[in-house]
Protein backbone atom coordinates (compact mmCIF):
# COMPACT_ATOMS: atom_id res chain seq x y z
CA MET A 1 -0.89 14.28 6.79
CA GLU A 2 2.63 12.63 6.73
CA SER A 3 3.90 11.83 3.10
CA GLU A 4 7.79 12.50 3.04
CA ASP A 5 10.77 9.94 2.33
CA PHE A 6 8.95 8.20 -0.25
CA ASN A 7 11.45 6.48 -2.35
CA ASN A 8 9.59 5.32 -5.45
CA THR A 9 8.99 5.97 -9.02
CA LEU A 10 5.65 7.44 -9.20
CA LEU A 11 5.27 10.71 -10.66
CA PRO A 12 3.66 13.33 -8.29
CA GLY A 13 0.18 13.44 -10.48
CA GLN A 14 0.05 9.49 -10.39
CA ARG A 15 0.56 9.67 -6.37
CA ARG A 16 -2.01 12.16 -6.16
CA HIS A 17 -4.62 10.06 -8.49
CA LEU A 18 -3.68 6.82 -6.38
CA ARG A 19 -4.29 9.27 -3.15
CA SER A 20 -7.76 10.13 -4.21
CA LEU A 21 -8.85 6.48 -5.53
CA GLY A 22 -7.86 5.33 -2.16
CA HIS A 23 -9.59 7.99 0.06
CA SER A 24 -12.52 5.68 -0.09
CA LEU A 25 -11.06 2.38 0.93
CA SER A 26 -11.40 0.61 3.91
CA PRO A 27 -8.15 -1.03 5.19
CA MET A 28 -7.94 -4.73 3.49
CA VAL A 29 -4.98 -6.11 5.48
CA PHE A 30 -3.82 -5.37 9.38
CA ILE A 31 -0.94 -6.08 11.05
CA GLY A 32 -0.82 -7.46 14.49
CA LYS A 33 1.13 -8.13 17.15
CA GLU A 34 2.84 -10.83 14.98
CA GLY A 35 3.94 -8.44 13.01
CA MET A 36 5.28 -9.15 9.49
CA THR A 37 5.25 -13.04 9.06
CA ASP A 38 5.24 -15.04 5.90
CA ASN A 39 1.31 -15.60 5.87
CA LEU A 40 1.17 -11.63 6.55
CA ILE A 41 3.24 -10.91 3.35
CA ASN A 42 1.08 -13.50 1.31
CA SER A 43 -2.04 -11.65 2.26
CA ILE A 44 -0.84 -8.59 1.55
CA ASN A 45 0.49 -9.87 -2.15
CA ASP A 46 -2.94 -11.50 -2.79
CA ALA A 47 -4.76 -7.94 -1.87
CA LEU A 48 -2.54 -6.24 -4.22
CA ASN A 49 -3.23 -8.93 -7.17
CA ALA A 50 -6.52 -8.77 -6.89
CA HIS A 51 -6.97 -4.65 -6.29
CA GLU A 52 -3.47 -3.12 -7.22
CA LEU A 53 -4.37 -0.33 -4.60
CA ILE A 54 -4.88 -1.51 -1.06
CA LYS A 55 -4.95 0.12 2.59
CA ILE A 56 -3.19 -1.77 5.33
CA LYS A 57 -3.71 -1.04 9.14
CA LEU A 58 -1.07 -0.96 12.01
CA GLY A 59 -2.91 -2.30 14.74
CA PRO A 60 -2.44 -1.17 18.45
CA ASN A 61 -0.24 -3.85 19.36
CA CYS A 62 1.78 -4.13 16.13
CA PRO A 63 5.67 -4.35 17.02
CA LEU A 64 6.29 -2.19 14.10
CA ASP A 65 6.44 1.38 14.34
CA LYS A 66 4.74 3.50 11.29
CA LYS A 67 7.95 4.53 9.90
CA THR A 68 9.58 1.09 9.72
CA ALA A 69 6.13 -0.60 8.37
CA SER A 70 6.32 2.21 5.54
CA LEU A 71 9.56 0.96 4.54
CA VAL A 72 9.39 -2.84 5.06
CA VAL A 73 5.91 -3.65 3.72
CA PRO A 74 6.75 -1.96 0.16
CA GLN A 75 10.06 -3.88 -0.01
CA LYS A 76 8.60 -7.49 0.81
CA THR A 77 5.95 -7.11 -1.25
CA ASN A 78 7.67 -5.18 -4.31
CA SER A 79 5.03 -2.18 -3.99
CA GLU A 80 5.15 1.38 -3.91
CA LEU A 81 4.08 3.11 -0.60
CA VAL A 82 1.44 6.03 -1.98
CA GLN A 83 0.53 7.53 1.65
CA LEU A 84 1.39 7.01 5.23
CA ILE A 85 -1.42 8.87 7.11
CA GLY A 86 -1.24 8.00 11.05
CA LYS A 87 -0.86 3.81 11.29
CA ILE A 88 -2.43 3.52 7.74
CA LEU A 89 -0.44 2.64 4.90
CA LEU A 90 -1.53 3.10 1.15
CA VAL A 91 0.25 0.76 -1.00
CA TYR A 92 0.12 0.33 -4.71
CA ARG A 93 1.75 -2.42 -7.26
CA ASP A 94 0.89 -2.77 -10.69
CA ASN A 95 -1.03 -6.19 -11.93
CA PRO A 96 -0.47 -6.34 -15.91
CA GLU A 97 -2.61 -9.57 -15.63
CA GLN A 98 -5.51 -7.46 -14.07
CA LYS A 99 -8.77 -7.34 -16.38
CA ASP A 100 -9.28 -4.26 -18.03
CA LYS A 101 -12.51 -3.24 -16.11
CA ASN A 102 -10.64 -3.09 -12.98
CA LYS A 103 -7.49 -2.15 -14.14
CA ILE A 104 -6.10 1.42 -12.57
CA ARG A 105 -4.81 3.59 -15.27
CA LEU A 106 -2.11 6.03 -14.27
CA PRO A 107 -2.00 9.38 -15.75
CA LYS A 108 1.22 9.91 -17.64
CA LYS A 109 2.43 13.28 -15.62
């Protein structure tokens, strides 16, 4: 498991909680040979607005390596990288407008 060099505000307990929630998720967005286009960024933002926590998979023809993608995706989408395993990123962004029953509640610690 690769999970180093994260520069975000999530506490270790919150990151652990999000990883456990993300375990059963399937990738919602795929980064292909076009790389980080405006349409891709819009797709990621739409998915984060709807779900708060998503998996993003780097395709075999993706021009970005996994380290670069793990820095660029959170920066361009104002989200936080929770975990990077292989070529799959787990990304979180709080949505204050999310309905209560679907809202992810982070632990305090």
